[in-house]
Amino acid sequence: MSTKKVAVLPGDGIGPEVMAEARKVLDKIEESTGVTFEYNQALVGGAAWDEYKEHLPESTLETCRNCDAILFGSVGGPVKEQNSEKWSGVEVNSLLGLRKAFELYANLRPAKLFPSLAFASSLREDISQKGFDLLVVRELTGGIYFGQPKGRDGEGASEKAFDTMVYSRKEVRRIAEMAFEVARKRNQKVTSIDKANVLTTMVFWRKVVEEVAAEYPDVEYEPMYVDNAAMQLTKNPQQFDVLLCGNMFGDILSDEAAALTGSLGLLPSASLAEGSFGMYEPSGGSAPDIAGTGKANPIAQILSAAMMLRYSFDMEDSAQKIEHSVNSVLEQGYRTADIYTDGDKKVTTQEMGDLIVEILDL
């Protein structure tokens, strides 16, 4: 029997509610595998501010350092309070603080359109009916968001602002290797997104990715300009398996892909360090307007826990069982408020978690 230490950071809004459902699913996995999950809960975001007057206190970082992975909920408060001391900068301080502290360089964001939810997609019906299952692998700690110099200079008509896109060979190689390794466990195809027809940085990006691709002859490799990729996502998303992207392009395309699935409440994500450590969180926000009402969709948090099993704990079979259970519950017509339509079986946050656990028990 092995013990996996999990730092549990529920955060704000619906975070604690959906986190409770994810833990319920992990408890069921614990029963069937003999693996013990040791949960170490800590405060982050507005919840941490109430206690420590900071969004990411040292005590929370220390808890995470002593664990094998982080299961993160969400942070953020009501829109009308965004400029208040408590909520100002909460996402940047919390999420970017954790990414920096643990060198989480690779962001993995699946975008899957479940066949039973094809109606919820913004895609044309003949496209959505086919469904899709793709994964955006985004470089998370380099590129134009972090490159130096950046700033503003001058005044009047000559005033200017500037950012610098910079990538080192090491940064490109390690994110490319991550994409190809992940693709080997999926459908063996990597589409690398760049703008090599315009940007020198992207010419370099493509060159290094091609070098890595040569080391993975079993994985199909295709380069694609980012503008074409944005169009292809809406025309034929089924062609994609793994999309390898730099920081900015990955930020944009992962949100586009997410929007095509119909609800952020269904989408997990992982941010990985070198080795097995990672942080796992839903792609959606804290939704404070529905906190405590039982309307939140826990599926993204549950699937984030499944990603934790896959990428940090090497428990592929258990991860697949959770994903199968989620799919089965959706196929049976059960829906939380965000994906409910007339004729469906409407359930609460807790009831959705219970149903997924029940399928796991079969």
Protein backbone atom coordinates (compact mmCIF):
# COMPACT_ATOMS: atom_id res chain seq x y z
CA MET A 1 0.00 0.00 0.00
CA SER A 2 1.33 3.44 -0.93
CA THR A 3 0.41 6.89 0.33
CA LYS A 4 -0.01 9.89 -1.97
CA LYS A 5 0.11 13.28 -0.29
CA VAL A 6 -2.28 15.81 -1.84
CA ALA A 7 -2.32 19.52 -1.03
CA VAL A 8 -6.00 20.48 -1.19
CA LEU A 9 -6.61 24.18 -1.92
CA PRO A 10 -10.41 24.65 -2.28
CA GLY A 11 -10.21 28.44 -2.52
CA ASP A 12 -13.28 30.62 -2.99
CA GLY A 13 -16.81 30.59 -4.36
CA ILE A 14 -17.85 27.15 -5.56
CA GLY A 15 -14.33 25.80 -4.94
CA PRO A 16 -15.10 24.07 -1.61
CA GLU A 17 -18.32 22.52 -2.99
CA VAL A 18 -16.81 20.97 -6.10
CA MET A 19 -13.67 19.97 -4.18
CA ALA A 20 -15.82 17.93 -1.81
CA GLU A 21 -17.16 15.94 -4.76
CA ALA A 22 -13.67 15.32 -6.16
CA ARG A 23 -12.52 14.01 -2.79
CA LYS A 24 -15.57 11.76 -2.66
CA VAL A 25 -14.53 10.21 -5.98
CA LEU A 26 -10.92 9.84 -4.85
CA ASP A 27 -12.13 8.13 -1.67
CA LYS A 28 -13.86 5.52 -3.83
CA ILE A 29 -10.68 5.03 -5.88
CA GLU A 30 -8.81 4.62 -2.60
CA GLU A 31 -11.11 1.74 -1.61
CA SER A 32 -10.56 -0.16 -4.85
CA THR A 33 -6.80 0.34 -5.31
CA GLY A 34 -5.22 0.16 -1.87
CA VAL A 35 -3.61 3.55 -2.47
CA THR A 36 -4.10 5.98 0.41
CA PHE A 37 -4.63 9.68 -0.32
CA GLU A 38 -3.42 11.89 2.50
CA TYR A 39 -5.19 15.24 2.18
CA ASN A 40 -3.47 18.36 3.49
CA GLN A 41 -5.83 21.32 3.22
CA ALA A 42 -4.61 24.91 3.03
CA LEU A 43 -5.99 28.37 2.31
CA VAL A 44 -5.58 30.30 -0.93
CA GLY A 45 -7.19 33.32 -2.58
CA GLY A 46 -9.82 35.30 -0.70
CA ALA A 47 -10.09 32.57 1.92
CA ALA A 48 -6.40 33.04 2.71
CA TRP A 49 -6.79 36.84 2.74
CA ASP A 50 -9.38 36.60 5.50
CA GLU A 51 -6.88 34.74 7.67
CA TYR A 52 -3.48 36.09 6.60
CA LYS A 53 -4.14 39.29 4.61
CA GLU A 54 -2.36 37.73 1.61
CA HIS A 55 -3.58 35.45 -1.19
CA LEU A 56 -0.78 32.88 -1.08
CA PRO A 57 0.67 32.68 2.44
CA GLU A 58 3.94 30.93 3.20
CA SER A 59 2.07 28.29 5.22
CA THR A 60 0.18 27.26 2.07
CA LEU A 61 3.39 27.07 0.05
CA GLU A 62 4.96 24.93 2.78
CA THR A 63 1.98 22.57 2.73
CA CYS A 64 2.37 22.20 -1.03
CA ARG A 65 6.12 21.60 -0.75
CA ASN A 66 5.44 18.65 1.53
CA CYS A 67 2.98 17.03 -0.88
CA ASP A 68 3.17 15.06 -4.14
CA ALA A 69 0.60 17.17 -6.02
CA ILE A 70 -1.78 20.10 -5.61
CA LEU A 71 -5.54 19.82 -6.14
CA PHE A 72 -6.72 23.40 -6.62
CA GLY A 73 -10.31 24.69 -6.61
CA SER A 74 -10.80 28.31 -7.68
CA VAL A 75 -10.17 31.85 -6.49
CA GLY A 76 -12.00 35.12 -6.97
CA GLY A 77 -14.88 37.16 -5.62
CA PRO A 78 -17.95 39.06 -6.85
CA VAL A 79 -17.45 41.28 -9.90
CA LYS A 80 -18.56 44.39 -8.02
CA GLU A 81 -15.78 43.81 -5.46
CA GLN A 82 -12.92 43.12 -7.89
CA ASN A 83 -11.10 46.34 -6.99
CA SER A 84 -11.35 45.81 -3.26
CA GLU A 85 -8.22 45.05 -1.24
CA LYS A 86 -9.32 41.46 -0.69
CA TRP A 87 -9.92 40.58 -4.33
CA SER A 88 -7.55 42.81 -6.28
CA GLY A 89 -4.91 40.65 -7.98
CA VAL A 90 -6.19 37.46 -6.38
CA GLU A 91 -5.79 35.24 -9.46
CA VAL A 92 -2.36 36.60 -10.38
CA ASN A 93 -1.08 36.33 -6.82
CA SER A 94 -2.50 32.85 -6.26
CA LEU A 95 -2.09 31.04 -9.58
CA LEU A 96 1.03 32.75 -10.91
CA GLY A 97 2.53 32.54 -7.45
CA LEU A 98 2.08 28.78 -7.39
CA ARG A 99 3.33 28.38 -10.95
CA LYS A 100 6.45 30.34 -10.14
CA ALA A 101 7.10 28.66 -6.80
CA PHE A 102 6.94 25.16 -8.27
CA GLU A 103 8.21 25.91 -11.79
CA LEU A 104 5.03 24.61 -13.41
CA TYR A 105 6.12 25.00 -17.01
CA ALA A 106 3.59 22.84 -18.87
CA ASN A 107 -0.15 23.49 -18.93
CA LEU A 108 -2.34 20.65 -20.20
CA ARG A 109 -5.91 21.57 -21.05
CA PRO A 110 -8.16 18.90 -22.52
CA ALA A 111 -11.15 19.99 -24.56
CA LYS A 112 -13.62 17.18 -25.09
CA LEU A 113 -17.05 17.49 -26.60
CA PHE A 114 -19.10 14.65 -25.15
CA PRO A 115 -21.46 13.23 -27.80
CA SER A 116 -24.35 13.49 -25.34
CA LEU A 117 -23.69 17.25 -25.05
CA ALA A 118 -23.20 18.05 -28.72
CA PHE A 119 -26.26 20.31 -28.58
CA ALA A 120 -24.44 22.65 -26.17
CA SER A 121 -21.59 23.39 -28.55
CA SER A 122 -21.41 26.58 -30.58
CA LEU A 123 -20.25 24.52 -33.56
CA ARG A 124 -22.50 23.83 -36.54
CA GLU A 125 -24.56 20.70 -35.87
CA ASP A 126 -22.93 18.53 -38.54
CA ILE A 127 -19.54 19.26 -36.92
CA SER A 128 -20.58 18.99 -33.26
CA GLN A 129 -22.35 15.66 -33.79
CA LYS A 130 -18.97 14.07 -34.51
CA GLY A 131 -17.60 15.18 -31.15
CA PHE A 132 -13.91 15.82 -30.53
CA ASP A 133 -11.24 15.07 -27.94
CA LEU A 134 -8.10 17.20 -28.06
CA LEU A 135 -5.43 18.40 -25.65
CA VAL A 136 -3.69 21.78 -25.66
CA VAL A 137 -0.14 21.58 -24.29
CA ARG A 138 0.84 25.16 -23.45
CA GLU A 139 4.28 26.40 -22.43
CA LEU A 140 3.55 28.28 -19.23
CA THR A 141 6.63 30.08 -17.93
CA GLY A 142 8.28 31.69 -20.98
CA GLY A 143 7.40 33.62 -24.11
CA ILE A 144 6.05 37.13 -24.41
CA TYR A 145 4.33 37.09 -21.00
CA PHE A 146 7.66 36.85 -19.19
CA GLY A 147 10.29 38.04 -21.70
CA GLN A 148 12.41 41.07 -20.93
CA PRO A 149 12.58 43.92 -21.59
CA LYS A 150 8.99 45.06 -21.30
CA GLY A 151 7.56 48.41 -20.40
CA ARG A 152 6.66 51.88 -21.65
CA ASP A 153 8.91 54.70 -22.79
CA GLY A 154 8.69 58.25 -24.10
CA GLU A 155 5.82 60.69 -24.08
CA GLY A 156 3.32 62.35 -26.36
CA ALA A 157 3.05 61.03 -29.92
CA SER A 158 6.36 59.18 -29.48
CA GLU A 159 5.28 57.26 -26.38
CA LYS A 160 5.46 53.49 -26.90
CA ALA A 161 4.89 50.22 -25.07
CA PHE A 162 6.83 47.03 -25.67
CA ASP A 163 6.95 43.35 -24.75
CA THR A 164 9.60 40.84 -25.76
CA MET A 165 8.97 37.31 -26.98
CA VAL A 166 11.89 35.14 -25.89
CA TYR A 167 12.31 31.35 -25.90
CA SER A 168 15.42 29.36 -25.10
CA ARG A 169 16.23 26.01 -26.67
CA LYS A 170 15.73 24.34 -23.28
CA GLU A 171 12.25 25.83 -22.88
CA VAL A 172 11.10 24.76 -26.33
CA ARG A 173 12.61 21.26 -26.07
CA ARG A 174 11.06 20.40 -22.73
CA ILE A 175 7.54 21.50 -23.68
CA ALA A 176 7.86 19.74 -27.05
CA GLU A 177 9.03 16.56 -25.35
CA MET A 178 6.05 16.79 -23.00
CA ALA A 179 3.66 17.09 -25.96
CA PHE A 180 5.14 14.12 -27.80
CA GLU A 181 5.20 11.95 -24.68
CA VAL A 182 1.55 12.75 -23.99
CA ALA A 183 0.61 12.12 -27.64
CA ARG A 184 2.12 8.63 -27.40
CA LYS A 185 -0.55 7.81 -24.82
CA ARG A 186 -3.34 9.32 -26.92
CA ASN A 187 -3.72 9.22 -30.72
CA GLN A 188 -0.07 9.76 -31.66
CA LYS A 189 -0.34 13.14 -33.34
CA VAL A 190 1.19 16.52 -32.44
CA THR A 191 0.25 19.76 -34.20
CA SER A 192 2.75 22.48 -33.30
CA ILE A 193 1.32 25.98 -33.45
CA ASP A 194 3.54 28.90 -34.44
CA LYS A 195 3.82 32.03 -36.59
CA ALA A 196 7.08 31.12 -38.31
CA ASN A 197 6.15 33.11 -41.41
CA VAL A 198 6.47 36.36 -39.43
CA LEU A 199 8.28 35.95 -36.09
CA THR A 200 11.94 35.04 -35.70
CA THR A 201 11.17 33.48 -32.32
CA MET A 202 8.68 31.19 -34.02
CA VAL A 203 11.16 30.18 -36.72
CA PHE A 204 13.39 29.03 -33.87
CA TRP A 205 10.42 27.35 -32.15
CA ARG A 206 9.62 25.34 -35.29
CA LYS A 207 13.25 24.32 -35.80
CA VAL A 208 13.60 22.97 -32.26
CA VAL A 209 10.22 21.21 -32.37
CA GLU A 210 11.22 19.52 -35.64
CA GLU A 211 14.37 18.25 -33.94
CA VAL A 212 12.28 16.76 -31.14
CA ALA A 213 9.76 15.31 -33.60
CA ALA A 214 12.56 13.36 -35.27
CA GLU A 215 13.09 11.56 -31.95
CA TYR A 216 9.47 10.36 -31.96
CA PRO A 217 8.99 8.56 -35.30
CA ASP A 218 5.88 6.83 -33.93
CA VAL A 219 4.10 10.18 -33.49
CA GLU A 220 2.73 12.11 -36.47
CA TYR A 221 3.98 15.71 -36.52
CA GLU A 222 2.41 18.70 -38.26
CA PRO A 223 3.31 22.41 -37.98
CA MET A 224 0.47 24.92 -38.36
CA TYR A 225 0.26 28.70 -38.29
CA VAL A 226 -1.79 30.00 -35.38
CA ASP A 227 -4.35 31.86 -37.52
CA ASN A 228 -5.07 28.70 -39.49
CA ALA A 229 -5.30 26.69 -36.27
CA ALA A 230 -7.90 29.09 -34.89
CA MET A 231 -9.98 28.59 -38.03
CA GLN A 232 -9.49 24.81 -38.15
CA LEU A 233 -10.74 24.47 -34.57
CA THR A 234 -14.14 25.72 -35.71
CA LYS A 235 -14.17 23.88 -39.05
CA ASN A 236 -12.70 20.49 -38.21
CA PRO A 237 -11.62 20.05 -34.58
CA GLN A 238 -11.63 16.27 -35.07
CA GLN A 239 -8.30 16.53 -36.93
CA PHE A 240 -6.45 17.48 -33.74
CA ASP A 241 -5.03 15.30 -31.02
CA VAL A 242 -2.32 17.28 -29.17
CA LEU A 243 -1.80 20.98 -29.92
CA LEU A 244 1.66 22.18 -28.88
CA CYS A 245 1.67 25.92 -28.22
CA GLY A 246 3.80 28.70 -26.83
CA ASN A 247 2.45 30.69 -23.90
CA MET A 248 0.39 33.33 -25.72
CA PHE A 249 -0.97 31.13 -28.52
CA GLY A 250 -1.79 28.39 -26.00
CA ASP A 251 -3.64 30.87 -23.81
CA ILE A 252 -5.86 31.92 -26.71
CA LEU A 253 -6.44 28.57 -28.41
CA SER A 254 -7.17 26.67 -25.20
CA ASP A 255 -9.94 29.16 -24.41
CA GLU A 256 -11.31 28.86 -27.93
CA ALA A 257 -11.32 25.07 -27.71
CA ALA A 258 -12.97 25.22 -24.30
CA ALA A 259 -15.76 27.44 -25.61
CA LEU A 260 -16.56 24.88 -28.30
CA THR A 261 -17.41 22.22 -25.69
CA GLY A 262 -20.39 24.12 -24.32
CA SER A 263 -19.42 24.55 -20.65
CA LEU A 264 -16.27 25.35 -18.67
CA GLY A 265 -17.81 23.28 -15.89
CA LEU A 266 -16.70 20.16 -17.76
CA LEU A 267 -13.05 21.02 -18.37
CA PRO A 268 -10.08 20.13 -16.17
CA SER A 269 -6.48 21.26 -16.48
CA ALA A 270 -3.02 20.34 -15.24
CA SER A 271 0.09 22.48 -14.74
CA LEU A 272 3.18 20.28 -14.50
CA ALA A 273 6.72 20.69 -13.26
CA GLU A 274 9.66 18.59 -14.39
CA GLY A 275 9.21 15.20 -12.77
CA SER A 276 5.83 14.11 -11.40
CA PHE A 277 4.73 17.16 -9.39
CA GLY A 278 1.75 19.08 -10.71
CA MET A 279 -1.20 21.33 -9.89
CA TYR A 280 -4.67 20.28 -11.05
CA GLU A 281 -7.61 22.65 -11.34
CA PRO A 282 -10.89 23.27 -13.20
CA SER A 283 -10.70 25.60 -16.18
CA GLY A 284 -13.66 27.64 -14.97
CA GLY A 285 -13.81 30.26 -12.24
CA SER A 286 -15.12 30.62 -8.70
CA ALA A 287 -18.68 31.57 -9.77
CA PRO A 288 -19.48 33.33 -6.47
CA ASP A 289 -23.00 34.13 -7.67
CA ILE A 290 -24.01 30.46 -7.39
CA ALA A 291 -21.83 29.46 -4.43
CA GLY A 292 -23.81 27.50 -1.87
CA THR A 293 -26.81 26.94 -4.16
CA GLY A 294 -26.00 23.40 -5.32
CA LYS A 295 -25.91 24.55 -8.95
CA ALA A 296 -22.16 24.19 -9.55
CA ASN A 297 -20.93 21.51 -11.91
CA PRO A 298 -18.29 19.37 -10.13
CA ILE A 299 -17.21 17.47 -13.25
CA ALA A 300 -14.24 19.72 -14.08
CA GLN A 301 -12.88 19.31 -10.54
CA ILE A 302 -13.45 15.54 -10.64
CA LEU A 303 -11.72 15.25 -14.01
CA SER A 304 -8.86 17.38 -12.66
CA ALA A 305 -8.46 14.75 -9.94
CA ALA A 306 -8.37 12.11 -12.69
CA MET A 307 -5.56 14.05 -14.39
CA MET A 308 -3.70 14.07 -11.08
CA LEU A 309 -3.93 10.29 -10.95
CA ARG A 310 -2.64 10.04 -14.53
CA TYR A 311 0.23 12.51 -14.54
CA SER A 312 1.47 12.66 -10.93
CA PHE A 313 0.61 9.23 -9.55
CA ASP A 314 0.86 6.97 -12.63
CA MET A 315 -2.63 5.56 -11.99
CA GLU A 316 -3.85 5.45 -15.59
CA ASP A 317 -6.44 2.74 -15.01
CA SER A 318 -8.09 4.71 -12.18
CA ALA A 319 -8.03 7.91 -14.25
CA GLN A 320 -9.80 6.15 -17.10
CA LYS A 321 -12.41 4.71 -14.73
CA ILE A 322 -13.29 8.19 -13.48
CA GLU A 323 -13.53 9.53 -17.04
CA HIS A 324 -15.72 6.58 -18.04
CA SER A 325 -18.00 7.20 -15.06
CA VAL A 326 -18.42 10.87 -15.97
CA ASN A 327 -19.25 9.96 -19.56
CA SER A 328 -21.75 7.31 -18.44
CA VAL A 329 -23.59 9.68 -16.11
CA LEU A 330 -23.86 12.29 -18.88
CA GLU A 331 -25.09 9.68 -21.36
CA GLN A 332 -27.84 8.78 -18.89
CA GLY A 333 -29.09 12.35 -19.13
CA TYR A 334 -28.08 13.71 -15.73
CA ARG A 335 -27.24 17.42 -15.82
CA THR A 336 -26.26 20.21 -13.46
CA ALA A 337 -27.80 23.63 -14.08
CA ASP A 338 -25.10 24.84 -16.50
CA ILE A 339 -25.80 22.09 -19.06
CA TYR A 340 -29.48 21.41 -18.35
CA THR A 341 -32.14 21.55 -21.05
CA ASP A 342 -35.79 20.51 -21.00
CA GLY A 343 -36.11 16.75 -20.78
CA ASP A 344 -32.86 16.19 -18.91
CA LYS A 345 -32.56 14.92 -15.34
CA LYS A 346 -31.54 17.95 -13.32
CA VAL A 347 -29.26 17.26 -10.35
CA THR A 348 -27.39 19.24 -7.71
CA THR A 349 -23.63 19.45 -7.27
CA GLN A 350 -23.68 16.74 -4.60
CA GLU A 351 -26.04 14.49 -6.54
CA MET A 352 -23.76 14.63 -9.59
CA GLY A 353 -20.84 13.56 -7.41
CA ASP A 354 -22.89 10.74 -5.92
CA LEU A 355 -23.88 9.46 -9.37
CA ILE A 356 -20.27 9.39 -10.56
CA VAL A 357 -19.22 7.50 -7.43
CA GLU A 358 -22.10 5.05 -7.93
CA ILE A 359 -20.92 4.22 -11.46
CA LEU A 360 -17.40 3.73 -10.12
CA ASP A 361 -18.82 1.18 -7.72
CA LEU A 362 -20.15 -1.06 -10.50
